[in-house]
């Protein structure tokens, strides 16, 4: 069992932080095992995060909300 946040937004839609800022913050927190970037109507940040998943200590699920 682990911890997940499967609904996150970035500046690609209505979030306040870039995808890199979100991923770096989650890395510093060290508490999540799985995340999903689910910006509204766009996949660019979600796919970027997924393409760079090897650089982060948690699983990344691409999504769109």
PDB file of N, CA and C in Angstrom:
ATOM      1  N   UNK A   1       0.846  -1.182   0.000  1.00  0.00           N
ATOM      2  CA  UNK A   1       0.000   0.000   0.000  1.00  0.00           C
ATOM      3  C   UNK A   1       0.882   1.233   0.000  1.00  0.00           C
ATOM      4  N   UNK A   2       0.418   2.259  -0.648  1.00  0.00           N
ATOM      5  CA  UNK A   2       1.148   3.511  -0.716  1.00  0.00           C
ATOM      6  C   UNK A   2       0.183   4.669  -0.783  1.00  0.00           C
ATOM      7  N   UNK A   3       0.724   5.823  -1.101  1.00  0.00           N
ATOM      8  CA  UNK A   3      -0.076   7.038  -1.163  1.00  0.00           C
ATOM      9  C   UNK A   3      -0.069   7.577  -2.582  1.00  0.00           C
ATOM     10  N   UNK A   4      -1.222   8.087  -3.027  1.00  0.00           N
ATOM     11  CA  UNK A   4      -1.365   8.599  -4.383  1.00  0.00           C
ATOM     12  C   UNK A   4      -2.167   9.890  -4.384  1.00  0.00           C
ATOM     13  N   UNK A   5      -1.876  10.731  -5.350  1.00  0.00           N
ATOM     14  CA  UNK A   5      -2.704  11.891  -5.664  1.00  0.00           C
ATOM     15  C   UNK A   5      -2.941  11.809  -7.157  1.00  0.00           C
ATOM     16  N   UNK A   6      -4.162  11.485  -7.537  1.00  0.00           N
ATOM     17  CA  UNK A   6      -4.446  11.233  -8.943  1.00  0.00           C
ATOM     18  C   UNK A   6      -5.220  12.373  -9.606  1.00  0.00           C
ATOM     19  N   UNK A   7      -5.112  13.563  -9.028  1.00  0.00           N
ATOM     20  CA  UNK A   7      -5.778  14.718  -9.636  1.00  0.00           C
ATOM     21  C   UNK A   7      -4.961  15.970  -9.348  1.00  0.00           C
ATOM     22  N   UNK A   8      -4.036  16.300 -10.251  1.00  0.00           N
ATOM     23  CA  UNK A   8      -3.181  17.480 -10.100  1.00  0.00           C
ATOM     24  C   UNK A   8      -3.220  18.313 -11.364  1.00  0.00           C
ATOM     25  N   UNK A   9      -3.165  19.629 -11.191  1.00  0.00           N
ATOM     26  CA  UNK A   9      -3.144  20.542 -12.335  1.00  0.00           C
ATOM     27  C   UNK A   9      -1.854  21.341 -12.345  1.00  0.00           C
ATOM     28  N   UNK A  10      -1.447  21.755 -13.542  1.00  0.00           N
ATOM     29  CA  UNK A  10      -0.262  22.595 -13.717  1.00  0.00           C
ATOM     30  C   UNK A  10      -0.687  23.879 -14.437  1.00  0.00           C
ATOM     31  N   UNK A  11       0.292  24.708 -14.756  1.00  0.00           N
ATOM     32  CA  UNK A  11      -0.010  25.945 -15.484  1.00  0.00           C
ATOM     33  C   UNK A  11      -0.497  25.678 -16.906  1.00  0.00           C
ATOM     34  N   UNK A  12      -0.440  24.439 -17.353  1.00  0.00           N
ATOM     35  CA  UNK A  12      -0.978  24.101 -18.669  1.00  0.00           C
ATOM     36  C   UNK A  12      -2.496  24.293 -18.704  1.00  0.00           C
ATOM     37  N   UNK A  13      -3.142  24.253 -17.533  1.00  0.00           N
ATOM     38  CA  UNK A  13      -4.575  24.578 -17.462  1.00  0.00           C
ATOM     39  C   UNK A  13      -4.765  25.601 -16.345  1.00  0.00           C
ATOM     40  N   UNK A  14      -5.356  25.219 -15.237  1.00  0.00           N
ATOM     41  CA  UNK A  14      -5.658  26.216 -14.201  1.00  0.00           C
ATOM     42  C   UNK A  14      -4.823  26.054 -12.924  1.00  0.00           C
ATOM     43  N   UNK A  15      -3.681  25.395 -13.028  1.00  0.00           N
ATOM     44  CA  UNK A  15      -2.795  25.244 -11.872  1.00  0.00           C
ATOM     45  C   UNK A  15      -1.910  26.455 -11.680  1.00  0.00           C
ATOM     46  N   UNK A  16      -1.222  26.506 -10.543  1.00  0.00           N
ATOM     47  CA  UNK A  16      -0.366  27.638 -10.203  1.00  0.00           C
ATOM     48  C   UNK A  16       1.116  27.377 -10.464  1.00  0.00           C
ATOM     49  N   UNK A  17       1.499  26.110 -10.674  1.00  0.00           N
ATOM     50  CA  UNK A  17       2.903  25.746 -10.841  1.00  0.00           C
ATOM     51  C   UNK A  17       3.115  24.997 -12.149  1.00  0.00           C
ATOM     52  N   UNK A  18       4.336  25.116 -12.692  1.00  0.00           N
ATOM     53  CA  UNK A  18       4.679  24.360 -13.887  1.00  0.00           C
ATOM     54  C   UNK A  18       4.774  22.876 -13.534  1.00  0.00           C
ATOM     55  N   UNK A  19       4.812  22.049 -14.542  1.00  0.00           N
ATOM     56  CA  UNK A  19       4.913  20.612 -14.286  1.00  0.00           C
ATOM     57  C   UNK A  19       6.218  20.281 -13.558  1.00  0.00           C
ATOM     58  N   UNK A  20       7.323  20.938 -13.927  1.00  0.00           N
ATOM     59  CA  UNK A  20       8.590  20.678 -13.242  1.00  0.00           C
ATOM     60  C   UNK A  20       8.522  21.093 -11.778  1.00  0.00           C
ATOM     61  N   UNK A  21       7.887  22.224 -11.493  1.00  0.00           N
ATOM     62  CA  UNK A  21       7.748  22.669 -10.107  1.00  0.00           C
ATOM     63  C   UNK A  21       6.911  21.682  -9.297  1.00  0.00           C
ATOM     64  N   UNK A  22       5.839  21.185  -9.897  1.00  0.00           N
ATOM     65  CA  UNK A  22       4.986  20.198  -9.218  1.00  0.00           C
ATOM     66  C   UNK A  22       5.779  18.930  -8.915  1.00  0.00           C
ATOM     67  N   UNK A  23       6.481  18.411  -9.909  1.00  0.00           N
ATOM     68  CA  UNK A  23       7.236  17.170  -9.720  1.00  0.00           C
ATOM     69  C   UNK A  23       8.364  17.338  -8.704  1.00  0.00           C
ATOM     70  N   UNK A  24       9.049  18.461  -8.753  1.00  0.00           N
ATOM     71  CA  UNK A  24      10.123  18.704  -7.782  1.00  0.00           C
ATOM     72  C   UNK A  24       9.583  18.850  -6.368  1.00  0.00           C
ATOM     73  N   UNK A  25       8.431  19.482  -6.214  1.00  0.00           N
ATOM     74  CA  UNK A  25       7.818  19.613  -4.891  1.00  0.00           C
ATOM     75  C   UNK A  25       7.430  18.239  -4.342  1.00  0.00           C
ATOM     76  N   UNK A  26       6.850  17.417  -5.167  1.00  0.00           N
ATOM     77  CA  UNK A  26       6.459  16.072  -4.736  1.00  0.00           C
ATOM     78  C   UNK A  26       7.698  15.267  -4.349  1.00  0.00           C
ATOM     79  N   UNK A  27       8.756  15.416  -5.105  1.00  0.00           N
ATOM     80  CA  UNK A  27      10.011  14.736  -4.775  1.00  0.00           C
ATOM     81  C   UNK A  27      10.512  15.178  -3.407  1.00  0.00           C
ATOM     82  N   UNK A  28      10.517  16.488  -3.152  1.00  0.00           N
ATOM     83  CA  UNK A  28      10.981  17.006  -1.855  1.00  0.00           C
ATOM     84  C   UNK A  28      10.101  16.517  -0.711  1.00  0.00           C
ATOM     85  N   UNK A  29       8.782  16.450  -0.925  1.00  0.00           N
ATOM     86  CA  UNK A  29       7.867  15.965   0.119  1.00  0.00           C
ATOM     87  C   UNK A  29       8.175  14.518   0.479  1.00  0.00           C
ATOM     88  N   UNK A  30       8.408  13.702  -0.523  1.00  0.00           N
ATOM     89  CA  UNK A  30       8.758  12.306  -0.304  1.00  0.00           C
ATOM     90  C   UNK A  30       7.650  11.440   0.252  1.00  0.00           C
ATOM     91  N   UNK A  31       6.393  11.834   0.070  1.00  0.00           N
ATOM     92  CA  UNK A  31       5.298  11.075   0.673  1.00  0.00           C
ATOM     93  C   UNK A  31       4.382  10.369  -0.319  1.00  0.00           C
ATOM     94  N   UNK A  32       4.514  10.666  -1.607  1.00  0.00           N
ATOM     95  CA  UNK A  32       3.617  10.062  -2.589  1.00  0.00           C
ATOM     96  C   UNK A  32       4.334   8.987  -3.397  1.00  0.00           C
ATOM     97  N   UNK A  33       3.594   7.925  -3.694  1.00  0.00           N
ATOM     98  CA  UNK A  33       4.113   6.822  -4.487  1.00  0.00           C
ATOM     99  C   UNK A  33       3.619   6.861  -5.932  1.00  0.00           C
ATOM    100  N   UNK A  34       2.485   7.525  -6.141  1.00  0.00           N
ATOM    101  CA  UNK A  34       1.863   7.609  -7.466  1.00  0.00           C
ATOM    102  C   UNK A  34       1.202   8.975  -7.602  1.00  0.00           C
ATOM    103  N   UNK A  35       1.353   9.591  -8.789  1.00  0.00           N
ATOM    104  CA  UNK A  35       0.635  10.830  -9.077  1.00  0.00           C
ATOM    105  C   UNK A  35       0.068  10.772 -10.480  1.00  0.00           C
ATOM    106  N   UNK A  36      -0.921  11.608 -10.737  1.00  0.00           N
ATOM    107  CA  UNK A  36      -1.450  11.801 -12.080  1.00  0.00           C
ATOM    108  C   UNK A  36      -1.612  13.292 -12.314  1.00  0.00           C
ATOM    109  N   UNK A  37      -1.013  13.781 -13.396  1.00  0.00           N
ATOM    110  CA  UNK A  37      -1.219  15.156 -13.826  1.00  0.00           C
ATOM    111  C   UNK A  37      -2.465  15.140 -14.710  1.00  0.00           C
ATOM    112  N   UNK A  38      -3.506  15.862 -14.314  1.00  0.00           N
ATOM    113  CA  UNK A  38      -4.799  15.794 -15.009  1.00  0.00           C
ATOM    114  C   UNK A  38      -5.299  17.186 -15.368  1.00  0.00           C
ATOM    115  N   UNK A  39      -4.494  17.930 -16.121  1.00  0.00           N
ATOM    116  CA  UNK A  39      -4.919  19.260 -16.563  1.00  0.00           C
ATOM    117  C   UNK A  39      -6.193  19.165 -17.392  1.00  0.00           C
ATOM    118  N   UNK A  40      -6.916  20.284 -17.453  1.00  0.00           N
ATOM    119  CA  UNK A  40      -8.159  20.345 -18.233  1.00  0.00           C
ATOM    120  C   UNK A  40      -7.866  20.465 -19.724  1.00  0.00           C
ATOM    121  N   UNK A  41      -8.343  19.504 -20.482  1.00  0.00           N
ATOM    122  CA  UNK A  41      -8.352  19.546 -21.947  1.00  0.00           C
ATOM    123  C   UNK A  41      -6.981  19.593 -22.624  1.00  0.00           C
ATOM    124  N   UNK A  42      -5.908  19.384 -21.889  1.00  0.00           N
ATOM    125  CA  UNK A  42      -4.573  19.359 -22.494  1.00  0.00           C
ATOM    126  C   UNK A  42      -3.756  18.229 -21.869  1.00  0.00           C
ATOM    127  N   UNK A  43      -2.859  17.663 -22.663  1.00  0.00           N
ATOM    128  CA  UNK A  43      -2.044  16.549 -22.187  1.00  0.00           C
ATOM    129  C   UNK A  43      -0.559  16.885 -22.123  1.00  0.00           C
ATOM    130  N   UNK A  44      -0.150  18.081 -22.559  1.00  0.00           N
ATOM    131  CA  UNK A  44       1.281  18.364 -22.711  1.00  0.00           C
ATOM    132  C   UNK A  44       2.067  18.172 -21.419  1.00  0.00           C
ATOM    133  N   UNK A  45       1.603  18.695 -20.295  1.00  0.00           N
ATOM    134  CA  UNK A  45       2.340  18.541 -19.034  1.00  0.00           C
ATOM    135  C   UNK A  45       2.316  17.099 -18.552  1.00  0.00           C
ATOM    136  N   UNK A  46       1.178  16.465 -18.704  1.00  0.00           N
ATOM    137  CA  UNK A  46       1.040  15.082 -18.286  1.00  0.00           C
ATOM    138  C   UNK A  46       1.983  14.176 -19.062  1.00  0.00           C
ATOM    139  N   UNK A  47       2.044  14.366 -20.370  1.00  0.00           N
ATOM    140  CA  UNK A  47       2.930  13.544 -21.190  1.00  0.00           C
ATOM    141  C   UNK A  47       4.395  13.871 -20.940  1.00  0.00           C
ATOM    142  N   UNK A  48       4.718  15.148 -20.703  1.00  0.00           N
ATOM    143  CA  UNK A  48       6.090  15.515 -20.381  1.00  0.00           C
ATOM    144  C   UNK A  48       6.518  14.808 -19.094  1.00  0.00           C
ATOM    145  N   UNK A  49       5.656  14.856 -18.085  1.00  0.00           N
ATOM    146  CA  UNK A  49       5.968  14.194 -16.811  1.00  0.00           C
ATOM    147  C   UNK A  49       6.181  12.702 -17.027  1.00  0.00           C
ATOM    148  N   UNK A  50       5.311  12.072 -17.805  1.00  0.00           N
ATOM    149  CA  UNK A  50       5.424  10.635 -18.055  1.00  0.00           C
ATOM    150  C   UNK A  50       6.718  10.302 -18.806  1.00  0.00           C
ATOM    151  N   UNK A  51       7.085  11.132 -19.771  1.00  0.00           N
ATOM    152  CA  UNK A  51       8.316  10.904 -20.533  1.00  0.00           C
ATOM    153  C   UNK A  51       9.573  11.036 -19.667  1.00  0.00           C
ATOM    154  N   UNK A  52       9.480  11.781 -18.573  1.00  0.00           N
ATOM    155  CA  UNK A  52      10.627  11.992 -17.681  1.00  0.00           C
ATOM    156  C   UNK A  52      10.480  11.237 -16.354  1.00  0.00           C
ATOM    157  N   UNK A  53       9.606  10.274 -16.309  1.00  0.00           N
ATOM    158  CA  UNK A  53       9.295   9.558 -15.057  1.00  0.00           C
ATOM    159  C   UNK A  53      10.509   8.888 -14.425  1.00  0.00           C
ATOM    160  N   UNK A  54      11.509   8.521 -15.228  1.00  0.00           N
ATOM    161  CA  UNK A  54      12.693   7.863 -14.683  1.00  0.00           C
ATOM    162  C   UNK A  54      13.484   8.794 -13.765  1.00  0.00           C
ATOM    163  N   UNK A  55      13.230  10.098 -13.832  1.00  0.00           N
ATOM    164  CA  UNK A  55      13.936  11.073 -12.997  1.00  0.00           C
ATOM    165  C   UNK A  55      13.275  11.312 -11.646  1.00  0.00           C
ATOM    166  N   UNK A  56      12.152  10.651 -11.396  1.00  0.00           N
ATOM    167  CA  UNK A  56      11.388  10.907 -10.176  1.00  0.00           C
ATOM    168  C   UNK A  56      11.139   9.615  -9.402  1.00  0.00           C
ATOM    169  N   UNK A  57      11.086   9.702  -8.074  1.00  0.00           N
ATOM    170  CA  UNK A  57      10.973   8.489  -7.235  1.00  0.00           C
ATOM    171  C   UNK A  57       9.538   8.027  -6.989  1.00  0.00           C
ATOM    172  N   UNK A  58       8.635   8.312  -7.920  1.00  0.00           N
ATOM    173  CA  UNK A  58       7.242   7.897  -7.796  1.00  0.00           C
ATOM    174  C   UNK A  58       6.729   7.590  -9.199  1.00  0.00           C
ATOM    175  N   UNK A  59       5.644   6.844  -9.263  1.00  0.00           N
ATOM    176  CA  UNK A  59       5.037   6.521 -10.565  1.00  0.00           C
ATOM    177  C   UNK A  59       4.198   7.703 -11.046  1.00  0.00           C
ATOM    178  N   UNK A  60       4.163   7.893 -12.355  1.00  0.00           N
ATOM    179  CA  UNK A  60       3.425   8.990 -12.957  1.00  0.00           C
ATOM    180  C   UNK A  60       2.433   8.421 -13.966  1.00  0.00           C
ATOM    181  N   UNK A  61       1.175   8.783 -13.806  1.00  0.00           N
ATOM    182  CA  UNK A  61       0.116   8.354 -14.694  1.00  0.00           C
ATOM    183  C   UNK A  61      -0.306   9.559 -15.524  1.00  0.00           C
ATOM    184  N   UNK A  62      -0.252   9.464 -16.854  1.00  0.00           N
ATOM    185  CA  UNK A  62      -0.745  10.574 -17.656  1.00  0.00           C
ATOM    186  C   UNK A  62      -2.267  10.587 -17.644  1.00  0.00           C
ATOM    187  N   UNK A  63      -2.824  11.779 -17.671  1.00  0.00           N
ATOM    188  CA  UNK A  63      -4.274  11.894 -17.660  1.00  0.00           C
ATOM    189  C   UNK A  63      -4.738  13.248 -18.136  1.00  0.00           C
ATOM    190  N   UNK A  64      -6.038  13.409 -18.196  1.00  0.00           N
ATOM    191  CA  UNK A  64      -6.665  14.665 -18.618  1.00  0.00           C
ATOM    192  C   UNK A  64      -8.016  14.737 -17.930  1.00  0.00           C
ATOM    193  N   UNK A  65      -8.331  15.906 -17.400  1.00  0.00           N
ATOM    194  CA  UNK A  65      -9.593  16.028 -16.641  1.00  0.00           C
ATOM    195  C   UNK A  65     -10.571  16.974 -17.242  1.00  0.00           C
TER     196      UNK A  65
END
